[in-house]
Amino acid sequence: MSHPDHQSNSGTEFTVCRKVRIVTSDVSEAQLRLVEKRSPDHLSLGMDNQGDKLRVIYDPSVLSFSQILAWLGEAGIAPTHTWWFRLKSSFYDFTDSNCAAQAHAKPKGCCNKIPKG
């Protein structure tokens, strides 16, 4: 069930990898591919060898962690809802929003010079 070589991710400079502990270990590849189809160029999912953690590789300049969690919930894949996971999830959303803001920001002038063009 684990496909470490499966990478549908384009590998941008903003790509992150998150590991999510899930409630059930009987997640099928079909469920994972169904979620990946929502954003095939920016999302890659896979299970670890023990089968209790989901590896989520995505581009936070395009997707947010909470958006991916909602898609996983619709596919019947539920993460463990402990206080630690809720804290990490909030932190991931915070860093994802910062990454998205930086990715879409206009470049600044160098050394207080007005950019040409």
PDB file of N, CA and C in Angstrom:
ATOM      1  N   MET A   1       0.814  -1.187   0.000  1.00  0.00           N
ATOM      2  CA  MET A   1       0.000   0.000   0.000  1.00  0.00           C
ATOM      3  C   MET A   1       0.859   1.253   0.000  1.00  0.00           C
ATOM      4  N   SER A   2       2.098   1.166   0.342  1.00  0.00           N
ATOM      5  CA  SER A   2       2.980   2.318   0.370  1.00  0.00           C
ATOM      6  C   SER A   2       3.732   2.435  -0.944  1.00  0.00           C
ATOM      7  N   HIS A   3       3.680   3.606  -1.540  1.00  0.00           N
ATOM      8  CA  HIS A   3       4.382   3.866  -2.784  1.00  0.00           C
ATOM      9  C   HIS A   3       5.287   5.071  -2.602  1.00  0.00           C
ATOM     10  N   PRO A   4       6.500   4.876  -2.043  1.00  0.00           N
ATOM     11  CA  PRO A   4       7.366   6.013  -1.810  1.00  0.00           C
ATOM     12  C   PRO A   4       7.846   6.677  -3.081  1.00  0.00           C
ATOM     13  N   ASP A   5       7.825   5.980  -4.204  1.00  0.00           N
ATOM     14  CA  ASP A   5       8.291   6.577  -5.442  1.00  0.00           C
ATOM     15  C   ASP A   5       7.186   7.341  -6.165  1.00  0.00           C
ATOM     16  N   HIS A   6       5.949   7.251  -5.683  1.00  0.00           N
ATOM     17  CA  HIS A   6       4.838   7.958  -6.302  1.00  0.00           C
ATOM     18  C   HIS A   6       4.933   9.435  -5.959  1.00  0.00           C
ATOM     19  N   GLN A   7       5.165  10.268  -6.941  1.00  0.00           N
ATOM     20  CA  GLN A   7       5.270  11.706  -6.743  1.00  0.00           C
ATOM     21  C   GLN A   7       4.501  12.407  -7.847  1.00  0.00           C
ATOM     22  N   SER A   8       3.319  12.895  -7.549  1.00  0.00           N
ATOM     23  CA  SER A   8       2.595  13.692  -8.527  1.00  0.00           C
ATOM     24  C   SER A   8       2.872  15.171  -8.294  1.00  0.00           C
ATOM     25  N   ASN A   9       3.716  15.464  -7.347  1.00  0.00           N
ATOM     26  CA  ASN A   9       4.031  16.830  -6.983  1.00  0.00           C
ATOM     27  C   ASN A   9       5.061  17.402  -7.941  1.00  0.00           C
ATOM     28  N   SER A  10       4.905  18.654  -8.305  1.00  0.00           N
ATOM     29  CA  SER A  10       5.827  19.283  -9.244  1.00  0.00           C
ATOM     30  C   SER A  10       7.130  19.696  -8.580  1.00  0.00           C
ATOM     31  N   GLY A  11       7.201  19.744  -7.260  1.00  0.00           N
ATOM     32  CA  GLY A  11       8.443  20.033  -6.561  1.00  0.00           C
ATOM     33  C   GLY A  11       8.867  21.494  -6.630  1.00  0.00           C
ATOM     34  N   THR A  12       7.975  22.415  -6.289  1.00  0.00           N
ATOM     35  CA  THR A  12       8.317  23.822  -6.286  1.00  0.00           C
ATOM     36  C   THR A  12       9.181  24.137  -5.074  1.00  0.00           C
ATOM     37  N   GLU A  13       9.652  25.373  -5.008  1.00  0.00           N
ATOM     38  CA  GLU A  13      10.503  25.758  -3.889  1.00  0.00           C
ATOM     39  C   GLU A  13       9.735  25.830  -2.578  1.00  0.00           C
ATOM     40  N   PHE A  14       8.412  25.870  -2.625  1.00  0.00           N
ATOM     41  CA  PHE A  14       7.598  25.969  -1.419  1.00  0.00           C
ATOM     42  C   PHE A  14       7.084  24.626  -0.919  1.00  0.00           C
ATOM     43  N   THR A  15       7.414  23.539  -1.573  1.00  0.00           N
ATOM     44  CA  THR A  15       6.887  22.225  -1.235  1.00  0.00           C
ATOM     45  C   THR A  15       7.241  21.828   0.203  1.00  0.00           C
ATOM     46  N   VAL A  16       6.241  21.313   0.931  1.00  0.00           N
ATOM     47  CA  VAL A  16       6.437  20.844   2.300  1.00  0.00           C
ATOM     48  C   VAL A  16       5.927  19.412   2.422  1.00  0.00           C
ATOM     49  N   CYS A  17       6.436  18.720   3.419  1.00  0.00           N
ATOM     50  CA  CYS A  17       5.991  17.352   3.712  1.00  0.00           C
ATOM     51  C   CYS A  17       5.495  17.313   5.153  1.00  0.00           C
ATOM     52  N   ARG A  18       4.275  16.908   5.333  1.00  0.00           N
ATOM     53  CA  ARG A  18       3.674  16.781   6.672  1.00  0.00           C
ATOM     54  C   ARG A  18       3.316  15.314   6.886  1.00  0.00           C
ATOM     55  N   LYS A  19       3.457  14.862   8.118  1.00  0.00           N
ATOM     56  CA  LYS A  19       3.034  13.503   8.465  1.00  0.00           C
ATOM     57  C   LYS A  19       1.850  13.607   9.411  1.00  0.00           C
ATOM     58  N   VAL A  20       0.812  12.860   9.086  1.00  0.00           N
ATOM     59  CA  VAL A  20      -0.433  12.912   9.828  1.00  0.00           C
ATOM     60  C   VAL A  20      -0.753  11.512  10.342  1.00  0.00           C
ATOM     61  N   ARG A  21      -0.918  11.380  11.647  1.00  0.00           N
ATOM     62  CA  ARG A  21      -1.339  10.100  12.216  1.00  0.00           C
ATOM     63  C   ARG A  21      -2.837   9.950  11.985  1.00  0.00           C
ATOM     64  N   ILE A  22      -3.232   8.809  11.423  1.00  0.00           N
ATOM     65  CA  ILE A  22      -4.633   8.606  11.086  1.00  0.00           C
ATOM     66  C   ILE A  22      -5.265   7.594  12.032  1.00  0.00           C
ATOM     67  N   VAL A  23      -6.599   7.646  12.121  1.00  0.00           N
ATOM     68  CA  VAL A  23      -7.344   6.801  13.058  1.00  0.00           C
ATOM     69  C   VAL A  23      -7.348   5.346  12.606  1.00  0.00           C
ATOM     70  N   THR A  24      -7.632   5.116  11.342  1.00  0.00           N
ATOM     71  CA  THR A  24      -7.738   3.756  10.830  1.00  0.00           C
ATOM     72  C   THR A  24      -6.559   3.448   9.910  1.00  0.00           C
ATOM     73  N   SER A  25      -6.147   2.212   9.900  1.00  0.00           N
ATOM     74  CA  SER A  25      -4.997   1.835   9.069  1.00  0.00           C
ATOM     75  C   SER A  25      -5.413   1.190   7.747  1.00  0.00           C
ATOM     76  N   ASP A  26      -6.710   1.078   7.495  1.00  0.00           N
ATOM     77  CA  ASP A  26      -7.145   0.439   6.254  1.00  0.00           C
ATOM     78  C   ASP A  26      -7.523   1.472   5.186  1.00  0.00           C
ATOM     79  N   VAL A  27      -6.566   2.351   4.888  1.00  0.00           N
ATOM     80  CA  VAL A  27      -6.745   3.354   3.842  1.00  0.00           C
ATOM     81  C   VAL A  27      -6.271   2.760   2.529  1.00  0.00           C
ATOM     82  N   SER A  28      -7.116   2.809   1.524  1.00  0.00           N
ATOM     83  CA  SER A  28      -6.755   2.218   0.234  1.00  0.00           C
ATOM     84  C   SER A  28      -6.055   3.249  -0.645  1.00  0.00           C
ATOM     85  N   GLU A  29      -5.330   2.736  -1.617  1.00  0.00           N
ATOM     86  CA  GLU A  29      -4.672   3.601  -2.596  1.00  0.00           C
ATOM     87  C   GLU A  29      -5.716   4.372  -3.395  1.00  0.00           C
ATOM     88  N   ALA A  30      -6.863   3.764  -3.638  1.00  0.00           N
ATOM     89  CA  ALA A  30      -7.923   4.441  -4.391  1.00  0.00           C
ATOM     90  C   ALA A  30      -8.415   5.684  -3.656  1.00  0.00           C
ATOM     91  N   GLN A  31      -8.539   5.588  -2.329  1.00  0.00           N
ATOM     92  CA  GLN A  31      -8.943   6.751  -1.547  1.00  0.00           C
ATOM     93  C   GLN A  31      -7.904   7.870  -1.661  1.00  0.00           C
ATOM     94  N   LEU A  32      -6.623   7.510  -1.574  1.00  0.00           N
ATOM     95  CA  LEU A  32      -5.561   8.506  -1.667  1.00  0.00           C
ATOM     96  C   LEU A  32      -5.535   9.161  -3.039  1.00  0.00           C
ATOM     97  N   ARG A  33      -5.676   8.359  -4.099  1.00  0.00           N
ATOM     98  CA  ARG A  33      -5.652   8.919  -5.449  1.00  0.00           C
ATOM     99  C   ARG A  33      -6.867   9.808  -5.707  1.00  0.00           C
ATOM    100  N   LEU A  34      -8.010   9.479  -5.080  1.00  0.00           N
ATOM    101  CA  LEU A  34      -9.207  10.297  -5.217  1.00  0.00           C
ATOM    102  C   LEU A  34      -8.967  11.692  -4.650  1.00  0.00           C
ATOM    103  N   VAL A  35      -8.306  11.759  -3.511  1.00  0.00           N
ATOM    104  CA  VAL A  35      -7.989  13.058  -2.907  1.00  0.00           C
ATOM    105  C   VAL A  35      -6.952  13.788  -3.747  1.00  0.00           C
ATOM    106  N   GLU A  36      -5.960  13.070  -4.247  1.00  0.00           N
ATOM    107  CA  GLU A  36      -4.916  13.695  -5.073  1.00  0.00           C
ATOM    108  C   GLU A  36      -5.481  14.310  -6.346  1.00  0.00           C
ATOM    109  N   LYS A  37      -6.563  13.741  -6.888  1.00  0.00           N
ATOM    110  CA  LYS A  37      -7.146  14.252  -8.136  1.00  0.00           C
ATOM    111  C   LYS A  37      -7.688  15.661  -7.988  1.00  0.00           C
ATOM    112  N   ARG A  38      -7.939  16.092  -6.769  1.00  0.00           N
ATOM    113  CA  ARG A  38      -8.441  17.444  -6.546  1.00  0.00           C
ATOM    114  C   ARG A  38      -7.411  18.499  -6.933  1.00  0.00           C
ATOM    115  N   SER A  39      -6.144  18.185  -6.754  1.00  0.00           N
ATOM    116  CA  SER A  39      -5.060  19.093  -7.124  1.00  0.00           C
ATOM    117  C   SER A  39      -3.846  18.258  -7.519  1.00  0.00           C
ATOM    118  N   PRO A  40      -3.876  17.648  -8.696  1.00  0.00           N
ATOM    119  CA  PRO A  40      -2.851  16.671  -9.067  1.00  0.00           C
ATOM    120  C   PRO A  40      -1.440  17.240  -9.191  1.00  0.00           C
ATOM    121  N   ASP A  41      -1.302  18.505  -9.517  1.00  0.00           N
ATOM    122  CA  ASP A  41       0.036  19.075  -9.685  1.00  0.00           C
ATOM    123  C   ASP A  41       0.647  19.578  -8.387  1.00  0.00           C
ATOM    124  N   HIS A  42      -0.151  19.661  -7.324  1.00  0.00           N
ATOM    125  CA  HIS A  42       0.336  20.277  -6.096  1.00  0.00           C
ATOM    126  C   HIS A  42       0.191  19.400  -4.858  1.00  0.00           C
ATOM    127  N   LEU A  43      -0.260  18.158  -5.004  1.00  0.00           N
ATOM    128  CA  LEU A  43      -0.527  17.304  -3.851  1.00  0.00           C
ATOM    129  C   LEU A  43      -0.100  15.873  -4.129  1.00  0.00           C
ATOM    130  N   SER A  44       0.581  15.266  -3.153  1.00  0.00           N
ATOM    131  CA  SER A  44       0.977  13.868  -3.228  1.00  0.00           C
ATOM    132  C   SER A  44       0.737  13.227  -1.866  1.00  0.00           C
ATOM    133  N   LEU A  45       0.091  12.073  -1.853  1.00  0.00           N
ATOM    134  CA  LEU A  45      -0.232  11.367  -0.618  1.00  0.00           C
ATOM    135  C   LEU A  45       0.346   9.966  -0.647  1.00  0.00           C
ATOM    136  N   GLY A  46       0.758   9.480   0.520  1.00  0.00           N
ATOM    137  CA  GLY A  46       1.256   8.117   0.633  1.00  0.00           C
ATOM    138  C   GLY A  46       1.277   7.673   2.082  1.00  0.00           C
ATOM    139  N   MET A  47       1.197   6.389   2.297  1.00  0.00           N
ATOM    140  CA  MET A  47       1.239   5.835   3.652  1.00  0.00           C
ATOM    141  C   MET A  47       2.663   5.441   3.994  1.00  0.00           C
ATOM    142  N   ASP A  48       3.011   5.517   5.295  1.00  0.00           N
ATOM    143  CA  ASP A  48       4.328   5.052   5.712  1.00  0.00           C
ATOM    144  C   ASP A  48       4.306   3.529   5.844  1.00  0.00           C
ATOM    145  N   ASN A  49       5.429   2.947   6.185  1.00  0.00           N
ATOM    146  CA  ASN A  49       5.540   1.484   6.232  1.00  0.00           C
ATOM    147  C   ASN A  49       4.696   0.852   7.328  1.00  0.00           C
ATOM    148  N   GLN A  50       4.498   1.541   8.444  1.00  0.00           N
ATOM    149  CA  GLN A  50       3.697   0.982   9.533  1.00  0.00           C
ATOM    150  C   GLN A  50       2.201   1.094   9.258  1.00  0.00           C
ATOM    151  N   GLY A  51       1.810   2.004   8.385  1.00  0.00           N
ATOM    152  CA  GLY A  51       0.411   2.131   8.019  1.00  0.00           C
ATOM    153  C   GLY A  51      -0.413   2.991   8.942  1.00  0.00           C
ATOM    154  N   ASP A  52       0.220   3.701   9.888  1.00  0.00           N
ATOM    155  CA  ASP A  52      -0.561   4.549  10.783  1.00  0.00           C
ATOM    156  C   ASP A  52      -0.339   6.035  10.535  1.00  0.00           C
ATOM    157  N   LYS A  53       0.580   6.374   9.642  1.00  0.00           N
ATOM    158  CA  LYS A  53       0.832   7.779   9.319  1.00  0.00           C
ATOM    159  C   LYS A  53       0.686   8.005   7.821  1.00  0.00           C
ATOM    160  N   LEU A  54       0.084   9.115   7.517  1.00  0.00           N
ATOM    161  CA  LEU A  54      -0.110   9.523   6.141  1.00  0.00           C
ATOM    162  C   LEU A  54       0.906  10.615   5.820  1.00  0.00           C
ATOM    163  N   ARG A  55       1.623  10.452   4.726  1.00  0.00           N
ATOM    164  CA  ARG A  55       2.597  11.446   4.272  1.00  0.00           C
ATOM    165  C   ARG A  55       1.906  12.360   3.271  1.00  0.00           C
ATOM    166  N   VAL A  56       1.850  13.652   3.599  1.00  0.00           N
ATOM    167  CA  VAL A  56       1.185  14.641   2.766  1.00  0.00           C
ATOM    168  C   VAL A  56       2.245  15.607   2.248  1.00  0.00           C
ATOM    169  N   ILE A  57       2.472  15.591   0.937  1.00  0.00           N
ATOM    170  CA  ILE A  57       3.435  16.497   0.310  1.00  0.00           C
ATOM    171  C   ILE A  57       2.630  17.438  -0.581  1.00  0.00           C
ATOM    172  N   TYR A  58       2.782  18.735  -0.322  1.00  0.00           N
ATOM    173  CA  TYR A  58       1.978  19.693  -1.077  1.00  0.00           C
ATOM    174  C   TYR A  58       2.678  21.037  -1.183  1.00  0.00           C
ATOM    175  N   ASP A  59       2.116  21.896  -2.018  1.00  0.00           N
ATOM    176  CA  ASP A  59       2.631  23.239  -2.234  1.00  0.00           C
ATOM    177  C   ASP A  59       1.757  24.214  -1.450  1.00  0.00           C
ATOM    178  N   PRO A  60       2.247  24.762  -0.325  1.00  0.00           N
ATOM    179  CA  PRO A  60       1.416  25.650   0.489  1.00  0.00           C
ATOM    180  C   PRO A  60       1.149  27.009  -0.144  1.00  0.00           C
ATOM    181  N   SER A  61       1.814  27.327  -1.250  1.00  0.00           N
ATOM    182  CA  SER A  61       1.492  28.570  -1.935  1.00  0.00           C
ATOM    183  C   SER A  61       0.195  28.426  -2.730  1.00  0.00           C
ATOM    184  N   VAL A  62      -0.273  27.175  -2.896  1.00  0.00           N
ATOM    185  CA  VAL A  62      -1.501  26.905  -3.640  1.00  0.00           C
ATOM    186  C   VAL A  62      -2.577  26.299  -2.730  1.00  0.00           C
ATOM    187  N   LEU A  63      -2.188  25.370  -1.868  1.00  0.00           N
ATOM    188  CA  LEU A  63      -3.121  24.663  -0.990  1.00  0.00           C
ATOM    189  C   LEU A  63      -2.839  24.984   0.468  1.00  0.00           C
ATOM    190  N   SER A  64      -3.848  24.795   1.315  1.00  0.00           N
ATOM    191  CA  SER A  64      -3.644  24.933   2.756  1.00  0.00           C
ATOM    192  C   SER A  64      -3.839  23.567   3.421  1.00  0.00           C
ATOM    193  N   PHE A  65      -3.244  23.404   4.578  1.00  0.00           N
ATOM    194  CA  PHE A  65      -3.334  22.134   5.299  1.00  0.00           C
ATOM    195  C   PHE A  65      -4.781  21.831   5.679  1.00  0.00           C
ATOM    196  N   SER A  66      -5.529  22.835   6.122  1.00  0.00           N
ATOM    197  CA  SER A  66      -6.923  22.596   6.503  1.00  0.00           C
ATOM    198  C   SER A  66      -7.778  22.203   5.304  1.00  0.00           C
ATOM    199  N   GLN A  67      -7.456  22.730   4.121  1.00  0.00           N
ATOM    200  CA  GLN A  67      -8.163  22.358   2.903  1.00  0.00           C
ATOM    201  C   GLN A  67      -7.923  20.877   2.585  1.00  0.00           C
ATOM    202  N   ILE A  68      -6.683  20.436   2.739  1.00  0.00           N
ATOM    203  CA  ILE A  68      -6.349  19.029   2.484  1.00  0.00           C
ATOM    204  C   ILE A  68      -7.031  18.134   3.514  1.00  0.00           C
ATOM    205  N   LEU A  69      -7.074  18.567   4.781  1.00  0.00           N
ATOM    206  CA  LEU A  69      -7.764  17.786   5.808  1.00  0.00           C
ATOM    207  C   LEU A  69      -9.250  17.638   5.483  1.00  0.00           C
ATOM    208  N   ALA A  70      -9.864  18.681   4.952  1.00  0.00           N
ATOM    209  CA  ALA A  70     -11.280  18.591   4.569  1.00  0.00           C
ATOM    210  C   ALA A  70     -11.461  17.576   3.445  1.00  0.00           C
ATOM    211  N   TRP A  71     -10.571  17.597   2.468  1.00  0.00           N
ATOM    212  CA  TRP A  71     -10.644  16.628   1.368  1.00  0.00           C
ATOM    213  C   TRP A  71     -10.454  15.204   1.880  1.00  0.00           C
ATOM    214  N   LEU A  72      -9.517  15.019   2.831  1.00  0.00           N
ATOM    215  CA  LEU A  72      -9.305  13.688   3.404  1.00  0.00           C
ATOM    216  C   LEU A  72     -10.551  13.221   4.143  1.00  0.00           C
ATOM    217  N   GLY A  73     -11.199  14.137   4.872  1.00  0.00           N
ATOM    218  CA  GLY A  73     -12.426  13.788   5.587  1.00  0.00           C
ATOM    219  C   GLY A  73     -13.533  13.349   4.644  1.00  0.00           C
ATOM    220  N   GLU A  74     -13.652  14.035   3.496  1.00  0.00           N
ATOM    221  CA  GLU A  74     -14.659  13.652   2.512  1.00  0.00           C
ATOM    222  C   GLU A  74     -14.380  12.272   1.925  1.00  0.00           C
ATOM    223  N   ALA A  75     -13.110  11.877   1.885  1.00  0.00           N
ATOM    224  CA  ALA A  75     -12.742  10.559   1.353  1.00  0.00           C
ATOM    225  C   ALA A  75     -12.787   9.475   2.432  1.00  0.00           C
ATOM    226  N   GLY A  76     -13.140   9.832   3.655  1.00  0.00           N
ATOM    227  CA  GLY A  76     -13.237   8.844   4.729  1.00  0.00           C
ATOM    228  C   GLY A  76     -11.922   8.571   5.442  1.00  0.00           C
ATOM    229  N   ILE A  77     -10.956   9.467   5.303  1.00  0.00           N
ATOM    230  CA  ILE A  77      -9.664   9.323   5.981  1.00  0.00           C
ATOM    231  C   ILE A  77      -9.620  10.352   7.101  1.00  0.00           C
ATOM    232  N   ALA A  78      -9.646   9.874   8.331  1.00  0.00           N
ATOM    233  CA  ALA A  78      -9.725  10.778   9.471  1.00  0.00           C
ATOM    234  C   ALA A  78      -8.425  10.783  10.274  1.00  0.00           C
ATOM    235  N   PRO A  79      -7.860  11.969  10.520  1.00  0.00           N
ATOM    236  CA  PRO A  79      -6.684  12.046  11.388  1.00  0.00           C
ATOM    237  C   PRO A  79      -7.104  11.932  12.853  1.00  0.00           C
ATOM    238  N   THR A  80      -6.144  11.596  13.695  1.00  0.00           N
ATOM    239  CA  THR A  80      -6.442  11.561  15.130  1.00  0.00           C
ATOM    240  C   THR A  80      -6.637  12.989  15.605  1.00  0.00           C
ATOM    241  N   HIS A  81      -7.679  13.233  16.370  1.00  0.00           N
ATOM    242  CA  HIS A  81      -7.973  14.589  16.832  1.00  0.00           C
ATOM    243  C   HIS A  81      -7.558  14.750  18.288  1.00  0.00           C
ATOM    244  N   THR A  82      -6.260  14.763  18.497  1.00  0.00           N
ATOM    245  CA  THR A  82      -5.716  15.021  19.821  1.00  0.00           C
ATOM    246  C   THR A  82      -5.394  16.509  19.936  1.00  0.00           C
ATOM    247  N   TRP A  83      -5.127  16.963  21.149  1.00  0.00           N
ATOM    248  CA  TRP A  83      -4.771  18.371  21.321  1.00  0.00           C
ATOM    249  C   TRP A  83      -3.468  18.680  20.586  1.00  0.00           C
ATOM    250  N   TRP A  84      -2.534  17.743  20.530  1.00  0.00           N
ATOM    251  CA  TRP A  84      -1.260  17.958  19.847  1.00  0.00           C
ATOM    252  C   TRP A  84      -1.475  18.122  18.336  1.00  0.00           C
ATOM    253  N   PHE A  85      -2.352  17.307  17.771  1.00  0.00           N
ATOM    254  CA  PHE A  85      -2.633  17.436  16.343  1.00  0.00           C
ATOM    255  C   PHE A  85      -3.313  18.759  16.043  1.00  0.00           C
ATOM    256  N   ARG A  86      -4.234  19.180  16.889  1.00  0.00           N
ATOM    257  CA  ARG A  86      -4.905  20.466  16.665  1.00  0.00           C
ATOM    258  C   ARG A  86      -3.906  21.614  16.739  1.00  0.00           C
ATOM    259  N   LEU A  87      -2.944  21.527  17.644  1.00  0.00           N
ATOM    260  CA  LEU A  87      -1.904  22.552  17.752  1.00  0.00           C
ATOM    261  C   LEU A  87      -1.025  22.558  16.499  1.00  0.00           C
ATOM    262  N   LYS A  88      -0.580  21.371  16.069  1.00  0.00           N
ATOM    263  CA  LYS A  88       0.246  21.281  14.865  1.00  0.00           C
ATOM    264  C   LYS A  88      -0.531  21.750  13.635  1.00  0.00           C
ATOM    265  N   SER A  89      -1.791  21.402  13.549  1.00  0.00           N
ATOM    266  CA  SER A  89      -2.613  21.800  12.419  1.00  0.00           C
ATOM    267  C   SER A  89      -2.741  23.325  12.348  1.00  0.00           C
ATOM    268  N   SER A  90      -2.920  23.960  13.476  1.00  0.00           N
ATOM    269  CA  SER A  90      -2.989  25.428  13.513  1.00  0.00           C
ATOM    270  C   SER A  90      -1.666  26.039  13.081  1.00  0.00           C
ATOM    271  N   PHE A  91      -0.567  25.471  13.541  1.00  0.00           N
ATOM    272  CA  PHE A  91       0.749  25.968  13.153  1.00  0.00           C
ATOM    273  C   PHE A  91       0.983  25.782  11.654  1.00  0.00           C
ATOM    274  N   TYR A  92       0.584  24.628  11.123  1.00  0.00           N
ATOM    275  CA  TYR A  92       0.731  24.377   9.690  1.00  0.00           C
ATOM    276  C   TYR A  92      -0.077  25.387   8.872  1.00  0.00           C
ATOM    277  N   ASP A  93      -1.309  25.686   9.302  1.00  0.00           N
ATOM    278  CA  ASP A  93      -2.125  26.669   8.594  1.00  0.00           C
ATOM    279  C   ASP A  93      -1.485  28.054   8.649  1.00  0.00           C
ATOM    280  N   PHE A  94      -0.904  28.397   9.791  1.00  0.00           N
ATOM    281  CA  PHE A  94      -0.237  29.690   9.935  1.00  0.00           C
ATOM    282  C   PHE A  94       0.960  29.799   8.993  1.00  0.00           C
ATOM    283  N   THR A  95       1.806  28.759   8.960  1.00  0.00           N
ATOM    284  CA  THR A  95       2.975  28.802   8.086  1.00  0.00           C
ATOM    285  C   THR A  95       2.565  28.725   6.616  1.00  0.00           C
ATOM    286  N   ASP A  96       1.496  27.997   6.310  1.00  0.00           N
ATOM    287  CA  ASP A  96       1.014  27.931   4.931  1.00  0.00           C
ATOM    288  C   ASP A  96       0.521  29.289   4.449  1.00  0.00           C
ATOM    289  N   SER A  97      -0.180  30.016   5.306  1.00  0.00           N
ATOM    290  CA  SER A  97      -0.668  31.341   4.893  1.00  0.00           C
ATOM    291  C   SER A  97       0.506  32.301   4.698  1.00  0.00           C
ATOM    292  N   ASN A  98       1.540  32.202   5.534  1.00  0.00           N
ATOM    293  CA  ASN A  98       2.737  33.027   5.338  1.00  0.00           C
ATOM    294  C   ASN A  98       3.435  32.677   4.031  1.00  0.00           C
ATOM    295  N   CYS A  99       3.544  31.408   3.748  1.00  0.00           N
ATOM    296  CA  CYS A  99       4.185  30.954   2.509  1.00  0.00           C
ATOM    297  C   CYS A  99       3.410  31.443   1.289  1.00  0.00           C
ATOM    298  N   ALA A 100       2.094  31.359   1.338  1.00  0.00           N
ATOM    299  CA  ALA A 100       1.270  31.816   0.222  1.00  0.00           C
ATOM    300  C   ALA A 100       1.424  33.325   0.028  1.00  0.00           C
ATOM    301  N   ALA A 101       1.486  34.066   1.120  1.00  0.00           N
ATOM    302  CA  ALA A 101       1.667  35.515   1.015  1.00  0.00           C
ATOM    303  C   ALA A 101       3.017  35.855   0.394  1.00  0.00           C
ATOM    304  N   GLN A 102       4.060  35.143   0.787  1.00  0.00           N
ATOM    305  CA  GLN A 102       5.389  35.389   0.230  1.00  0.00           C
ATOM    306  C   GLN A 102       5.461  34.977  -1.238  1.00  0.00           C
ATOM    307  N   ALA A 103       4.806  33.912  -1.584  1.00  0.00           N
ATOM    308  CA  ALA A 103       4.857  33.420  -2.962  1.00  0.00           C
ATOM    309  C   ALA A 103       4.171  34.374  -3.928  1.00  0.00           C
ATOM    310  N   HIS A 104       3.129  35.059  -3.457  1.00  0.00           N
ATOM    311  CA  HIS A 104       2.357  35.933  -4.328  1.00  0.00           C
ATOM    312  C   HIS A 104       2.711  37.409  -4.164  1.00  0.00           C
ATOM    313  N   ALA A 105       3.703  37.717  -3.334  1.00  0.00           N
ATOM    314  CA  ALA A 105       4.114  39.109  -3.119  1.00  0.00           C
ATOM    315  C   ALA A 105       4.962  39.600  -4.294  1.00  0.00           C
ATOM    316  N   LYS A 106       4.845  40.867  -4.564  1.00  0.00           N
ATOM    317  CA  LYS A 106       5.660  41.460  -5.625  1.00  0.00           C
ATOM    318  C   LYS A 106       7.085  41.634  -5.091  1.00  0.00           C
ATOM    319  N   PRO A 107       8.084  41.456  -5.929  1.00  0.00           N
ATOM    320  CA  PRO A 107       9.462  41.622  -5.462  1.00  0.00           C
ATOM    321  C   PRO A 107       9.733  43.064  -5.056  1.00  0.00           C
ATOM    322  N   LYS A 108      10.526  43.227  -4.026  1.00  0.00           N
ATOM    323  CA  LYS A 108      10.888  44.542  -3.520  1.00  0.00           C
ATOM    324  C   LYS A 108      12.131  45.036  -4.234  1.00  0.00           C
ATOM    325  N   GLY A 109      12.334  46.332  -4.189  1.00  0.00           N
ATOM    326  CA  GLY A 109      13.540  46.920  -4.753  1.00  0.00           C
ATOM    327  C   GLY A 109      14.742  46.608  -3.889  1.00  0.00           C
ATOM    328  N   CYS A 110      15.892  46.504  -4.496  1.00  0.00           N
ATOM    329  CA  CYS A 110      17.117  46.177  -3.769  1.00  0.00           C
ATOM    330  C   CYS A 110      17.784  47.468  -3.282  1.00  0.00           C
ATOM    331  N   CYS A 111      18.235  47.485  -2.060  1.00  0.00           N
ATOM    332  CA  CYS A 111      19.005  48.589  -1.490  1.00  0.00           C
ATOM    333  C   CYS A 111      18.244  49.909  -1.556  1.00  0.00           C
ATOM    334  N   ASN A 112      16.946  49.867  -1.316  1.00  0.00           N
ATOM    335  CA  ASN A 112      16.092  51.057  -1.313  1.00  0.00           C
ATOM    336  C   ASN A 112      16.053  51.770  -2.652  1.00  0.00           C
ATOM    337  N   LYS A 113      16.335  51.078  -3.726  1.00  0.00           N
ATOM    338  CA  LYS A 113      16.248  51.662  -5.062  1.00  0.00           C
ATOM    339  C   LYS A 113      14.898  51.326  -5.668  1.00  0.00           C
ATOM    340  N   ILE A 114      14.374  52.215  -6.419  1.00  0.00           N
ATOM    341  CA  ILE A 114      13.089  51.969  -7.074  1.00  0.00           C
ATOM    342  C   ILE A 114      13.320  50.955  -8.197  1.00  0.00           C
ATOM    343  N   PRO A 115      12.501  49.901  -8.265  1.00  0.00           N
ATOM    344  CA  PRO A 115      12.683  48.923  -9.338  1.00  0.00           C
ATOM    345  C   PRO A 115      12.429  49.547 -10.712  1.00  0.00           C
ATOM    346  N   LYS A 116      13.213  49.129 -11.665  1.00  0.00           N
ATOM    347  CA  LYS A 116      13.069  49.640 -13.032  1.00  0.00           C
ATOM    348  C   LYS A 116      11.982  48.853 -13.754  1.00  0.00           C
ATOM    349  N   GLY A 117      11.317  49.497 -14.647  1.00  0.00           N
ATOM    350  CA  GLY A 117      10.400  48.770 -15.484  1.00  0.00           C
ATOM    351  C   GLY A 117       9.031  49.178 -15.322  1.00  0.00           C
TER     352      GLY A 117
END
